[in-house]
Amino acid sequence: MKFRKGFVTNSSSSSFIVAVKDDGSETLNAFMKAFVDSEDYNETRKGHSYKTKEELDKYYVENFKSSRCKTLEEILEDDEYLEKQYNKELECIEKGFVILTKDIGYGNDGLTSFVSIFAESLGENAILFDTD
């Protein structure tokens, strides 16, 4: 598991992808809902969650298509990084994880810390992807 300790880009937000093993607990469901739904008026946006290959495929097409890459196959063929990321997420889904994605503004240190601490507390039932 990789945890981000600092930020190295000039962007005003950082992308987070967290895979969590859904055990049906109220605590985990509350975390997933808070992670996806929280937003502010700066750079922290509502997130996404998906737990099936079909949902993952739809997310990638909706978020990464371009004028020359319209299908999932074209998108992944065009971008090696996205292909690797997609394959990691698909592998997690196949193992029963739910994928959560979110852009968190750099000024939102509380949410960034909370995500890292919560993922760490779940041990092997959570994977925090390094996306930047």
Protein backbone atom coordinates (compact mmCIF):
# COMPACT_ATOMS: atom_id res chain seq x y z
CA MET A 1 0.00 0.00 0.00
CA LYS A 2 1.36 3.43 -0.96
CA PHE A 3 0.49 6.55 1.02
CA ARG A 4 1.06 10.05 -0.25
CA LYS A 5 3.17 12.09 2.15
CA GLY A 6 3.36 15.31 0.14
CA PHE A 7 2.38 16.94 -3.10
CA VAL A 8 4.67 17.46 -6.03
CA THR A 9 2.51 18.90 -8.80
CA ASN A 10 1.53 22.47 -9.56
CA SER A 11 -2.13 21.52 -9.81
CA SER A 12 -4.54 22.88 -7.24
CA SER A 13 -5.90 19.41 -6.50
CA SER A 14 -4.72 15.84 -6.21
CA SER A 15 -6.50 12.77 -7.50
CA PHE A 16 -7.20 9.95 -5.09
CA ILE A 17 -8.23 6.42 -5.93
CA VAL A 18 -9.05 4.16 -3.00
CA ALA A 19 -10.06 0.51 -3.30
CA VAL A 20 -11.92 -0.76 -0.23
CA LYS A 21 -13.20 -4.23 0.56
CA ASP A 22 -16.92 -3.75 1.16
CA ASP A 23 -17.72 -5.62 4.37
CA GLY A 24 -21.19 -4.07 4.64
CA SER A 25 -20.38 -2.29 7.91
CA GLU A 26 -22.06 1.02 8.72
CA THR A 27 -18.65 2.64 9.34
CA LEU A 28 -17.32 1.67 5.94
CA ASN A 29 -20.55 2.67 4.19
CA ALA A 30 -20.43 6.05 5.95
CA PHE A 31 -16.79 6.53 4.88
CA MET A 32 -17.57 5.64 1.26
CA LYS A 33 -20.56 7.99 1.19
CA ALA A 34 -18.58 10.85 2.80
CA PHE A 35 -15.65 10.30 0.44
CA VAL A 36 -17.82 10.39 -2.68
CA ASP A 37 -20.29 13.11 -1.61
CA SER A 38 -18.00 15.66 0.07
CA GLU A 39 -17.11 18.73 -1.94
CA ASP A 40 -16.28 22.38 -1.42
CA TYR A 41 -16.22 25.52 -3.49
CA ASN A 42 -12.53 25.23 -4.28
CA GLU A 43 -11.01 22.18 -5.94
CA THR A 44 -12.55 19.28 -4.01
CA ARG A 45 -15.20 17.72 -6.22
CA LYS A 46 -17.79 15.00 -5.73
CA GLY A 47 -16.25 11.61 -6.30
CA HIS A 48 -17.31 8.41 -7.99
CA SER A 49 -17.65 4.82 -6.88
CA TYR A 50 -17.87 1.69 -8.92
CA LYS A 51 -17.80 -2.02 -8.14
CA THR A 52 -18.37 -3.75 -11.47
CA LYS A 53 -16.37 -3.92 -14.69
CA GLU A 54 -19.28 -2.30 -16.50
CA GLU A 55 -19.24 0.68 -14.11
CA LEU A 56 -15.45 0.97 -14.43
CA ASP A 57 -15.66 0.86 -18.24
CA LYS A 58 -18.37 3.54 -18.27
CA TYR A 59 -16.34 5.78 -15.91
CA TYR A 60 -13.25 5.57 -18.13
CA VAL A 61 -15.16 6.30 -21.33
CA GLU A 62 -17.07 9.23 -19.78
CA ASN A 63 -13.98 10.79 -18.21
CA PHE A 64 -11.17 10.06 -20.67
CA LYS A 65 -12.67 10.02 -24.15
CA SER A 66 -11.43 12.53 -26.68
CA SER A 67 -12.11 13.47 -30.27
CA ARG A 68 -9.82 10.69 -31.48
CA CYS A 69 -10.35 8.12 -28.69
CA LYS A 70 -14.03 7.37 -28.18
CA THR A 71 -14.08 3.73 -27.07
CA LEU A 72 -12.49 2.15 -24.01
CA GLU A 73 -10.16 0.15 -26.21
CA GLU A 74 -8.97 3.30 -28.03
CA ILE A 75 -8.53 5.19 -24.75
CA LEU A 76 -6.43 2.46 -23.16
CA GLU A 77 -4.41 1.86 -26.31
CA ASP A 78 -3.62 5.58 -26.54
CA ASP A 79 -2.48 6.08 -22.93
CA GLU A 80 -0.16 3.55 -21.26
CA TYR A 81 -0.62 5.13 -17.82
CA LEU A 82 -4.41 4.91 -18.03
CA GLU A 83 -4.18 1.32 -19.22
CA LYS A 84 -2.06 0.36 -16.20
CA GLN A 85 -4.39 2.24 -13.84
CA TYR A 86 -7.46 0.62 -15.40
CA ASN A 87 -5.95 -2.85 -15.06
CA LYS A 88 -5.08 -2.26 -11.38
CA GLU A 89 -8.61 -1.07 -10.66
CA LEU A 90 -10.16 -3.98 -12.57
CA GLU A 91 -8.01 -6.43 -10.62
CA CYS A 92 -9.27 -4.91 -7.36
CA ILE A 93 -12.90 -5.12 -8.52
CA GLU A 94 -12.39 -8.78 -9.40
CA LYS A 95 -11.16 -9.33 -5.81
CA GLY A 96 -14.33 -7.76 -4.35
CA PHE A 97 -13.14 -4.20 -3.77
CA VAL A 98 -15.15 -1.04 -4.42
CA ILE A 99 -13.21 1.68 -6.26
CA LEU A 100 -13.60 5.28 -5.03
CA THR A 101 -12.18 8.20 -7.01
CA LYS A 102 -11.98 11.86 -6.06
CA ASP A 103 -10.10 15.09 -6.73
CA ILE A 104 -9.25 16.73 -3.41
CA GLY A 105 -8.09 20.35 -3.31
CA TYR A 106 -4.69 20.94 -1.77
CA GLY A 107 -6.25 23.31 0.74
CA ASN A 108 -8.43 20.49 2.05
CA ASP A 109 -5.76 18.92 4.26
CA GLY A 110 -8.33 17.52 6.68
CA LEU A 111 -10.00 15.34 4.05
CA THR A 112 -6.64 14.29 2.59
CA SER A 113 -5.41 13.22 6.04
CA PHE A 114 -8.68 11.49 6.85
CA VAL A 115 -8.58 9.42 3.65
CA SER A 116 -4.98 8.32 4.33
CA ILE A 117 -5.63 7.48 7.99
CA PHE A 118 -8.88 5.64 7.25
CA ALA A 119 -7.30 3.60 4.44
CA GLU A 120 -4.33 2.76 6.68
CA SER A 121 -6.68 1.65 9.48
CA LEU A 122 -8.35 -0.87 7.14
CA GLY A 123 -5.03 -2.59 6.51
CA GLU A 124 -5.19 -5.01 3.61
CA ASN A 125 -8.89 -4.23 3.14
CA ALA A 126 -7.94 -0.90 1.53
CA ILE A 127 -5.54 0.18 -1.16
CA LEU A 128 -4.72 3.86 -1.65
CA PHE A 129 -3.39 4.24 -5.20
CA ASP A 130 -0.61 6.70 -5.94
CA THR A 131 -2.07 8.75 -8.79
CA ASP A 132 0.20 11.81 -9.11
